[in-house]
């Protein structure tokens, strides 16, 4: 299955799950309601690189899922904080080709044209921390939300993969950071919410180079987030 089909299958899946869980709430009103939620995110990724030759190629995608605990900070419960835990996986396709030389050292090039796809991938755990602004009421789940926050991520497994006509090379890439911090916001109304997050540190560790220039890049993630009560 191609990456494009996988991405849109993810969207269809979360829409189906959300539709099944968004049934009308009971008439009983709970003035001490909480927005404890499971969340599902399907997203695309774009690399923002300060290393000039590095550009995006193909469709980069990602998925996130987890649980957020809601902690209201006012009596109307329209302002609070949220924190939780989840997992993520993402793939970033660029023209940056990573290979290992005879000394088993990872080297990078953007001049290698003999490849079909070049991918940076990772998966791991994440801790979302949010400020939560909303105009919710005890009797309705239909409201506007604005949740700025940060994502703390740890990836025990990050890799590079280069697919050519005659080979498929994949290896653990120790040049990629295991710990990442992203800042952003989730906002929207009722079912459909937009998720925007941008890395606050570089994907690559310090000292990695491309053509003697520092190899630097950060990821912008744009997606749809679905909250499931």
C-alpha atoms as a PDB file:
ATOM      1  CA  UNK A   1       0.000   0.000   0.000  1.00  0.00           C
ATOM      2  CA  UNK A   2       1.409   3.392  -0.953  1.00  0.00           C
ATOM      3  CA  UNK A   3       2.095   6.075   1.642  1.00  0.00           C
ATOM      4  CA  UNK A   4      -0.644   8.274   0.116  1.00  0.00           C
ATOM      5  CA  UNK A   5      -3.257   5.533   0.516  1.00  0.00           C
ATOM      6  CA  UNK A   6      -2.057   4.843   4.050  1.00  0.00           C
ATOM      7  CA  UNK A   7      -2.440   8.520   4.965  1.00  0.00           C
ATOM      8  CA  UNK A   8      -5.998   8.787   3.675  1.00  0.00           C
ATOM      9  CA  UNK A   9      -6.879   5.429   5.241  1.00  0.00           C
ATOM     10  CA  UNK A  10      -5.829   6.969   8.559  1.00  0.00           C
ATOM     11  CA  UNK A  11      -8.190   9.897   8.003  1.00  0.00           C
ATOM     12  CA  UNK A  12     -11.054   7.520   7.164  1.00  0.00           C
ATOM     13  CA  UNK A  13     -10.348   5.421  10.252  1.00  0.00           C
ATOM     14  CA  UNK A  14     -10.438   8.311  12.706  1.00  0.00           C
ATOM     15  CA  UNK A  15     -13.564   9.730  11.068  1.00  0.00           C
ATOM     16  CA  UNK A  16     -15.292   6.368  11.491  1.00  0.00           C
ATOM     17  CA  UNK A  17     -14.196   5.998  15.117  1.00  0.00           C
ATOM     18  CA  UNK A  18     -15.272   9.535  15.925  1.00  0.00           C
ATOM     19  CA  UNK A  19     -18.666   9.068  14.272  1.00  0.00           C
ATOM     20  CA  UNK A  20     -19.301   5.980  16.365  1.00  0.00           C
ATOM     21  CA  UNK A  21     -18.377   7.729  19.614  1.00  0.00           C
ATOM     22  CA  UNK A  22     -20.063  11.110  19.020  1.00  0.00           C
ATOM     23  CA  UNK A  23     -23.585  10.021  19.898  1.00  0.00           C
ATOM     24  CA  UNK A  24     -25.868  12.376  21.750  1.00  0.00           C
ATOM     25  CA  UNK A  25     -25.009  12.683  25.425  1.00  0.00           C
ATOM     26  CA  UNK A  26     -27.564  11.771  28.089  1.00  0.00           C
ATOM     27  CA  UNK A  27     -29.845  14.470  29.440  1.00  0.00           C
ATOM     28  CA  UNK A  28     -28.194  14.318  32.852  1.00  0.00           C
ATOM     29  CA  UNK A  29     -26.109  17.478  33.363  1.00  0.00           C
ATOM     30  CA  UNK A  30     -22.800  17.255  35.196  1.00  0.00           C
ATOM     31  CA  UNK A  31     -21.589  20.693  36.349  1.00  0.00           C
ATOM     32  CA  UNK A  32     -18.235  19.155  37.301  1.00  0.00           C
ATOM     33  CA  UNK A  33     -17.589  17.727  33.856  1.00  0.00           C
ATOM     34  CA  UNK A  34     -14.056  17.023  32.640  1.00  0.00           C
ATOM     35  CA  UNK A  35     -12.614  16.990  29.153  1.00  0.00           C
ATOM     36  CA  UNK A  36     -10.582  13.819  29.734  1.00  0.00           C
ATOM     37  CA  UNK A  37     -10.058  12.598  26.202  1.00  0.00           C
ATOM     38  CA  UNK A  38      -8.458  10.060  23.946  1.00  0.00           C
ATOM     39  CA  UNK A  39      -7.012  11.728  20.884  1.00  0.00           C
ATOM     40  CA  UNK A  40      -6.197  10.585  17.361  1.00  0.00           C
ATOM     41  CA  UNK A  41      -4.149  12.642  14.908  1.00  0.00           C
ATOM     42  CA  UNK A  42      -3.415  12.023  11.253  1.00  0.00           C
ATOM     43  CA  UNK A  43      -1.031  14.526   9.730  1.00  0.00           C
ATOM     44  CA  UNK A  44       1.398  15.470   6.999  1.00  0.00           C
ATOM     45  CA  UNK A  45       4.925  16.686   7.649  1.00  0.00           C
ATOM     46  CA  UNK A  46       7.142  19.264   5.987  1.00  0.00           C
ATOM     47  CA  UNK A  47      10.839  19.746   6.658  1.00  0.00           C
ATOM     48  CA  UNK A  48      11.974  23.309   7.253  1.00  0.00           C
ATOM     49  CA  UNK A  49      15.689  23.128   6.559  1.00  0.00           C
ATOM     50  CA  UNK A  50      18.372  25.755   6.957  1.00  0.00           C
ATOM     51  CA  UNK A  51      20.651  23.578   4.828  1.00  0.00           C
ATOM     52  CA  UNK A  52      19.852  24.944   1.362  1.00  0.00           C
ATOM     53  CA  UNK A  53      19.921  21.801  -0.855  1.00  0.00           C
ATOM     54  CA  UNK A  54      17.518  19.805   1.353  1.00  0.00           C
ATOM     55  CA  UNK A  55      13.953  19.844   0.013  1.00  0.00           C
ATOM     56  CA  UNK A  56      10.745  17.882   0.556  1.00  0.00           C
ATOM     57  CA  UNK A  57       9.799  15.007  -1.737  1.00  0.00           C
ATOM     58  CA  UNK A  58       6.708  12.774  -1.856  1.00  0.00           C
ATOM     59  CA  UNK A  59       4.074  12.788   0.888  1.00  0.00           C
ATOM     60  CA  UNK A  60       5.448  12.843   4.427  1.00  0.00           C
ATOM     61  CA  UNK A  61       2.959  11.573   6.990  1.00  0.00           C
ATOM     62  CA  UNK A  62       2.503  10.827  10.655  1.00  0.00           C
ATOM     63  CA  UNK A  63       0.068   9.447  13.224  1.00  0.00           C
ATOM     64  CA  UNK A  64      -0.380  10.199  16.915  1.00  0.00           C
ATOM     65  CA  UNK A  65      -2.654   8.731  19.554  1.00  0.00           C
ATOM     66  CA  UNK A  66      -2.992   8.863  23.318  1.00  0.00           C
ATOM     67  CA  UNK A  67      -4.918  10.107  26.340  1.00  0.00           C
ATOM     68  CA  UNK A  68      -5.071  13.599  27.897  1.00  0.00           C
ATOM     69  CA  UNK A  69      -6.176  14.324  31.469  1.00  0.00           C
ATOM     70  CA  UNK A  70      -8.167  17.551  31.867  1.00  0.00           C
ATOM     71  CA  UNK A  71      -7.586  19.837  34.890  1.00  0.00           C
ATOM     72  CA  UNK A  72     -10.035  22.812  34.962  1.00  0.00           C
ATOM     73  CA  UNK A  73      -8.735  25.995  36.604  1.00  0.00           C
ATOM     74  CA  UNK A  74     -11.925  28.068  36.848  1.00  0.00           C
ATOM     75  CA  UNK A  75     -15.464  27.462  38.091  1.00  0.00           C
ATOM     76  CA  UNK A  76     -16.990  27.528  34.592  1.00  0.00           C
ATOM     77  CA  UNK A  77     -14.405  24.941  33.499  1.00  0.00           C
ATOM     78  CA  UNK A  78     -13.672  26.919  30.355  1.00  0.00           C
ATOM     79  CA  UNK A  79      -9.981  27.299  31.177  1.00  0.00           C
ATOM     80  CA  UNK A  80      -7.552  24.674  32.335  1.00  0.00           C
ATOM     81  CA  UNK A  81      -4.527  22.602  31.587  1.00  0.00           C
ATOM     82  CA  UNK A  82      -4.173  19.172  30.094  1.00  0.00           C
ATOM     83  CA  UNK A  83      -1.398  16.625  30.136  1.00  0.00           C
ATOM     84  CA  UNK A  84      -1.179  13.070  28.985  1.00  0.00           C
ATOM     85  CA  UNK A  85       0.762  10.321  27.305  1.00  0.00           C
ATOM     86  CA  UNK A  86       0.634   8.751  23.876  1.00  0.00           C
ATOM     87  CA  UNK A  87       2.638   7.363  21.023  1.00  0.00           C
ATOM     88  CA  UNK A  88       3.639   8.671  17.615  1.00  0.00           C
ATOM     89  CA  UNK A  89       5.098   7.536  14.336  1.00  0.00           C
ATOM     90  CA  UNK A  90       6.195   9.686  11.435  1.00  0.00           C
ATOM     91  CA  UNK A  91       7.964   9.531   8.100  1.00  0.00           C
ATOM     92  CA  UNK A  92       9.747  12.405   6.392  1.00  0.00           C
ATOM     93  CA  UNK A  93      10.613  12.139   2.691  1.00  0.00           C
ATOM     94  CA  UNK A  94      13.308  14.429   1.299  1.00  0.00           C
ATOM     95  CA  UNK A  95      16.105  14.462  -1.279  1.00  0.00           C
ATOM     96  CA  UNK A  96      18.629  13.876   1.525  1.00  0.00           C
ATOM     97  CA  UNK A  97      20.227  10.454   1.000  1.00  0.00           C
ATOM     98  CA  UNK A  98      21.926   8.838   4.007  1.00  0.00           C
ATOM     99  CA  UNK A  99      24.423   6.009   3.489  1.00  0.00           C
ATOM    100  CA  UNK A 100      27.292   4.422   5.403  1.00  0.00           C
ATOM    101  CA  UNK A 101      30.855   4.559   4.112  1.00  0.00           C
ATOM    102  CA  UNK A 102      33.578   1.896   4.447  1.00  0.00           C
ATOM    103  CA  UNK A 103      34.281   3.052   8.020  1.00  0.00           C
ATOM    104  CA  UNK A 104      30.596   2.637   8.959  1.00  0.00           C
ATOM    105  CA  UNK A 105      30.195   6.415   9.258  1.00  0.00           C
ATOM    106  CA  UNK A 106      26.896   7.929   8.097  1.00  0.00           C
ATOM    107  CA  UNK A 107      27.349  10.388   5.226  1.00  0.00           C
ATOM    108  CA  UNK A 108      24.755  12.567   3.508  1.00  0.00           C
ATOM    109  CA  UNK A 109      24.231  13.752  -0.037  1.00  0.00           C
ATOM    110  CA  UNK A 110      21.611  15.605  -2.073  1.00  0.00           C
ATOM    111  CA  UNK A 111      23.390  14.920  -5.370  1.00  0.00           C
ATOM    112  CA  UNK A 112      22.554  11.212  -5.528  1.00  0.00           C
ATOM    113  CA  UNK A 113      19.843  10.971  -8.194  1.00  0.00           C
ATOM    114  CA  UNK A 114      19.713   7.176  -8.371  1.00  0.00           C
ATOM    115  CA  UNK A 115      16.977   6.623  -5.781  1.00  0.00           C
ATOM    116  CA  UNK A 116      13.205   6.348  -5.685  1.00  0.00           C
ATOM    117  CA  UNK A 117      12.557   7.383  -2.071  1.00  0.00           C
ATOM    118  CA  UNK A 118      14.665   8.643   0.799  1.00  0.00           C
ATOM    119  CA  UNK A 119      13.015   8.489   4.196  1.00  0.00           C
ATOM    120  CA  UNK A 120      13.696   9.507   7.771  1.00  0.00           C
ATOM    121  CA  UNK A 121      11.399   7.639  10.144  1.00  0.00           C
ATOM    122  CA  UNK A 122      10.833   7.371  13.868  1.00  0.00           C
ATOM    123  CA  UNK A 123       8.353   6.209  16.463  1.00  0.00           C
ATOM    124  CA  UNK A 124       8.139   6.517  20.216  1.00  0.00           C
ATOM    125  CA  UNK A 125       6.249   8.009  23.139  1.00  0.00           C
ATOM    126  CA  UNK A 126       5.019  11.564  23.614  1.00  0.00           C
ATOM    127  CA  UNK A 127       3.811  13.689  26.508  1.00  0.00           C
ATOM    128  CA  UNK A 128       1.405  16.470  25.471  1.00  0.00           C
ATOM    129  CA  UNK A 129       1.057  19.468  27.807  1.00  0.00           C
ATOM    130  CA  UNK A 130      -1.631  22.036  26.939  1.00  0.00           C
ATOM    131  CA  UNK A 131      -3.285  25.235  28.078  1.00  0.00           C
ATOM    132  CA  UNK A 132      -6.977  24.751  27.354  1.00  0.00           C
ATOM    133  CA  UNK A 133      -9.344  27.578  26.400  1.00  0.00           C
ATOM    134  CA  UNK A 134     -12.913  26.659  25.396  1.00  0.00           C
ATOM    135  CA  UNK A 135     -16.498  27.911  25.549  1.00  0.00           C
ATOM    136  CA  UNK A 136     -17.932  24.587  26.692  1.00  0.00           C
ATOM    137  CA  UNK A 137     -21.020  24.090  28.870  1.00  0.00           C
ATOM    138  CA  UNK A 138     -22.111  21.145  31.061  1.00  0.00           C
ATOM    139  CA  UNK A 139     -24.924  20.273  28.628  1.00  0.00           C
ATOM    140  CA  UNK A 140     -23.144  20.301  25.257  1.00  0.00           C
ATOM    141  CA  UNK A 141     -20.065  18.807  23.625  1.00  0.00           C
ATOM    142  CA  UNK A 142     -20.306  21.250  20.719  1.00  0.00           C
ATOM    143  CA  UNK A 143     -17.930  24.108  21.470  1.00  0.00           C
ATOM    144  CA  UNK A 144     -14.890  25.991  20.254  1.00  0.00           C
ATOM    145  CA  UNK A 145     -11.494  25.028  21.626  1.00  0.00           C
ATOM    146  CA  UNK A 146      -8.039  26.611  21.504  1.00  0.00           C
ATOM    147  CA  UNK A 147      -5.319  24.449  23.041  1.00  0.00           C
ATOM    148  CA  UNK A 148      -1.746  25.795  22.722  1.00  0.00           C
ATOM    149  CA  UNK A 149       0.957  23.573  24.132  1.00  0.00           C
ATOM    150  CA  UNK A 150       4.099  21.543  23.722  1.00  0.00           C
ATOM    151  CA  UNK A 151       4.899  17.948  22.838  1.00  0.00           C
ATOM    152  CA  UNK A 152       7.764  16.180  24.587  1.00  0.00           C
ATOM    153  CA  UNK A 153       8.863  13.199  22.518  1.00  0.00           C
ATOM    154  CA  UNK A 154      11.278  10.348  22.977  1.00  0.00           C
ATOM    155  CA  UNK A 155      12.098   8.022  20.108  1.00  0.00           C
ATOM    156  CA  UNK A 156      14.094   4.856  20.905  1.00  0.00           C
ATOM    157  CA  UNK A 157      14.126   3.934  17.234  1.00  0.00           C
ATOM    158  CA  UNK A 158      14.944   6.381  14.428  1.00  0.00           C
ATOM    159  CA  UNK A 159      16.115   5.219  11.044  1.00  0.00           C
ATOM    160  CA  UNK A 160      17.027   6.190   7.504  1.00  0.00           C
ATOM    161  CA  UNK A 161      15.837   4.296   4.457  1.00  0.00           C
ATOM    162  CA  UNK A 162      16.853   4.663   0.817  1.00  0.00           C
ATOM    163  CA  UNK A 163      14.922   2.779  -1.854  1.00  0.00           C
ATOM    164  CA  UNK A 164      16.569   2.281  -5.234  1.00  0.00           C
ATOM    165  CA  UNK A 165      15.561   0.219  -8.250  1.00  0.00           C
ATOM    166  CA  UNK A 166      18.008  -2.502  -7.237  1.00  0.00           C
ATOM    167  CA  UNK A 167      18.178  -2.175  -3.442  1.00  0.00           C
ATOM    168  CA  UNK A 168      16.381  -1.168  -0.265  1.00  0.00           C
ATOM    169  CA  UNK A 169      18.773   0.073   2.443  1.00  0.00           C
ATOM    170  CA  UNK A 170      17.481   0.689   5.971  1.00  0.00           C
ATOM    171  CA  UNK A 171      19.521   1.274   9.114  1.00  0.00           C
ATOM    172  CA  UNK A 172      19.350   2.840  12.565  1.00  0.00           C
ATOM    173  CA  UNK A 173      20.475   6.442  12.325  1.00  0.00           C
ATOM    174  CA  UNK A 174      22.243   7.598  15.478  1.00  0.00           C
ATOM    175  CA  UNK A 175      22.579  11.103  13.995  1.00  0.00           C
ATOM    176  CA  UNK A 176      18.882  11.726  14.687  1.00  0.00           C
ATOM    177  CA  UNK A 177      17.894  13.138  18.062  1.00  0.00           C
ATOM    178  CA  UNK A 178      16.073  10.803  20.420  1.00  0.00           C
ATOM    179  CA  UNK A 179      14.497  13.630  22.436  1.00  0.00           C
ATOM    180  CA  UNK A 180      12.478  16.288  20.623  1.00  0.00           C
ATOM    181  CA  UNK A 181      10.348  19.223  21.777  1.00  0.00           C
ATOM    182  CA  UNK A 182       7.630  20.715  19.589  1.00  0.00           C
ATOM    183  CA  UNK A 183       5.416  23.733  20.156  1.00  0.00           C
ATOM    184  CA  UNK A 184       2.034  24.348  18.598  1.00  0.00           C
ATOM    185  CA  UNK A 185      -1.718  24.461  18.940  1.00  0.00           C
ATOM    186  CA  UNK A 186      -4.868  22.415  18.456  1.00  0.00           C
ATOM    187  CA  UNK A 187      -7.954  24.437  17.599  1.00  0.00           C
ATOM    188  CA  UNK A 188     -11.387  23.957  16.128  1.00  0.00           C
ATOM    189  CA  UNK A 189     -15.065  23.324  16.764  1.00  0.00           C
ATOM    190  CA  UNK A 190     -16.783  20.140  17.857  1.00  0.00           C
ATOM    191  CA  UNK A 191     -15.560  17.189  15.757  1.00  0.00           C
ATOM    192  CA  UNK A 192     -13.056  18.779  13.398  1.00  0.00           C
ATOM    193  CA  UNK A 193      -9.930  20.316  14.865  1.00  0.00           C
ATOM    194  CA  UNK A 194      -6.682  21.443  13.314  1.00  0.00           C
ATOM    195  CA  UNK A 195      -3.334  20.431  14.816  1.00  0.00           C
ATOM    196  CA  UNK A 196      -0.217  22.508  14.065  1.00  0.00           C
ATOM    197  CA  UNK A 197       3.142  21.705  15.649  1.00  0.00           C
ATOM    198  CA  UNK A 198       6.696  22.792  14.877  1.00  0.00           C
ATOM    199  CA  UNK A 199       9.950  21.368  16.231  1.00  0.00           C
ATOM    200  CA  UNK A 200      11.798  23.618  18.684  1.00  0.00           C
ATOM    201  CA  UNK A 201      15.068  21.725  18.256  1.00  0.00           C
ATOM    202  CA  UNK A 202      16.777  20.277  15.193  1.00  0.00           C
ATOM    203  CA  UNK A 203      16.116  16.746  13.998  1.00  0.00           C
ATOM    204  CA  UNK A 204      19.853  16.142  13.614  1.00  0.00           C
ATOM    205  CA  UNK A 205      22.397  16.191  16.405  1.00  0.00           C
ATOM    206  CA  UNK A 206      25.044  18.906  16.426  1.00  0.00           C
ATOM    207  CA  UNK A 207      28.145  18.314  14.334  1.00  0.00           C
ATOM    208  CA  UNK A 208      26.423  16.544  11.427  1.00  0.00           C
ATOM    209  CA  UNK A 209      27.322  18.064   8.069  1.00  0.00           C
ATOM    210  CA  UNK A 210      26.254  18.143   4.440  1.00  0.00           C
ATOM    211  CA  UNK A 211      28.971  19.330   2.051  1.00  0.00           C
ATOM    212  CA  UNK A 212      30.855  20.827   5.036  1.00  0.00           C
ATOM    213  CA  UNK A 213      27.768  22.826   6.072  1.00  0.00           C
ATOM    214  CA  UNK A 214      25.913  22.106   9.338  1.00  0.00           C
ATOM    215  CA  UNK A 215      22.990  19.763   8.704  1.00  0.00           C
ATOM    216  CA  UNK A 216      19.945  21.433  10.226  1.00  0.00           C
ATOM    217  CA  UNK A 217      16.247  20.756   9.848  1.00  0.00           C
ATOM    218  CA  UNK A 218      12.997  20.995  11.762  1.00  0.00           C
ATOM    219  CA  UNK A 219       9.638  19.454  11.061  1.00  0.00           C
ATOM    220  CA  UNK A 220       6.295  21.232  10.667  1.00  0.00           C
ATOM    221  CA  UNK A 221       3.310  18.946  11.267  1.00  0.00           C
ATOM    222  CA  UNK A 222      -0.149  19.853   9.969  1.00  0.00           C
ATOM    223  CA  UNK A 223      -3.022  17.526  10.684  1.00  0.00           C
ATOM    224  CA  UNK A 224      -6.525  16.762  11.894  1.00  0.00           C
ATOM    225  CA  UNK A 225      -7.022  15.868  15.544  1.00  0.00           C
ATOM    226  CA  UNK A 226     -10.078  14.041  16.845  1.00  0.00           C
ATOM    227  CA  UNK A 227     -11.002  14.041  20.534  1.00  0.00           C
ATOM    228  CA  UNK A 228     -12.921  11.030  21.818  1.00  0.00           C
ATOM    229  CA  UNK A 229     -14.600  11.300  25.218  1.00  0.00           C
END
